[in-house]
């Protein structure tokens, strides 16, 4: 599925960043250096906030 998303991103002219969610447990997911970010890594330093 990631390969299809990468192709669509290329056709659209690219993107600055792409969040990638790991749900298939595939260690061989192709990542584009400088663009792709694992969702769990992006949230690792986040702090919870109270909902209003």
Protein backbone atom coordinates (compact mmCIF):
# COMPACT_ATOMS: atom_id res chain seq x y z
CA UNK A 1 0.00 0.00 0.00
CA UNK A 2 2.86 2.41 0.76
CA UNK A 3 4.19 1.98 -2.75
CA UNK A 4 0.81 3.08 -4.16
CA UNK A 5 0.80 6.12 -1.87
CA UNK A 6 4.35 7.01 -2.97
CA UNK A 7 3.29 6.84 -6.62
CA UNK A 8 0.27 9.09 -5.97
CA UNK A 9 2.50 11.58 -4.15
CA UNK A 10 4.88 11.64 -7.13
CA UNK A 11 1.98 12.22 -9.54
CA UNK A 12 0.71 15.07 -7.36
CA UNK A 13 4.06 16.83 -7.51
CA UNK A 14 5.37 15.73 -4.13
CA UNK A 15 4.76 16.56 -0.48
CA UNK A 16 6.93 18.04 2.23
CA UNK A 17 6.14 15.36 4.82
CA UNK A 18 4.16 12.12 4.94
CA UNK A 19 3.00 10.47 8.17
CA UNK A 20 3.19 6.70 7.89
CA UNK A 21 1.05 4.56 10.20
CA UNK A 22 2.37 1.09 10.95
CA UNK A 23 -0.52 -1.35 11.03
CA UNK A 24 0.73 -4.28 8.99
CA UNK A 25 3.84 -4.98 11.10
CA UNK A 26 5.98 -4.99 7.95
CA UNK A 27 9.59 -4.11 8.76
CA UNK A 28 10.34 -3.61 5.05
CA UNK A 29 8.01 -0.62 4.53
CA UNK A 30 9.81 1.68 2.08
CA UNK A 31 10.50 5.09 3.63
CA UNK A 32 11.67 8.20 1.79
CA UNK A 33 14.41 9.90 3.82
CA UNK A 34 13.64 13.50 4.73
CA UNK A 35 9.94 13.14 3.87
CA UNK A 36 8.37 10.10 5.54
CA UNK A 37 7.82 10.08 9.30
CA UNK A 38 6.47 7.20 11.36
CA UNK A 39 3.26 8.26 13.17
CA UNK A 40 4.45 6.77 16.46
CA UNK A 41 7.73 8.70 16.23
CA UNK A 42 5.92 11.97 15.46
CA UNK A 43 3.77 11.56 18.57
CA UNK A 44 6.48 10.25 20.89
CA UNK A 45 7.13 13.65 22.49
CA UNK A 46 3.51 14.83 22.52
CA UNK A 47 1.84 15.65 25.81
CA UNK A 48 -1.85 15.00 26.42
CA UNK A 49 -4.18 17.97 26.86
CA UNK A 50 -7.50 18.13 28.62
CA UNK A 51 -10.59 18.32 26.45
CA UNK A 52 -12.94 21.20 27.13
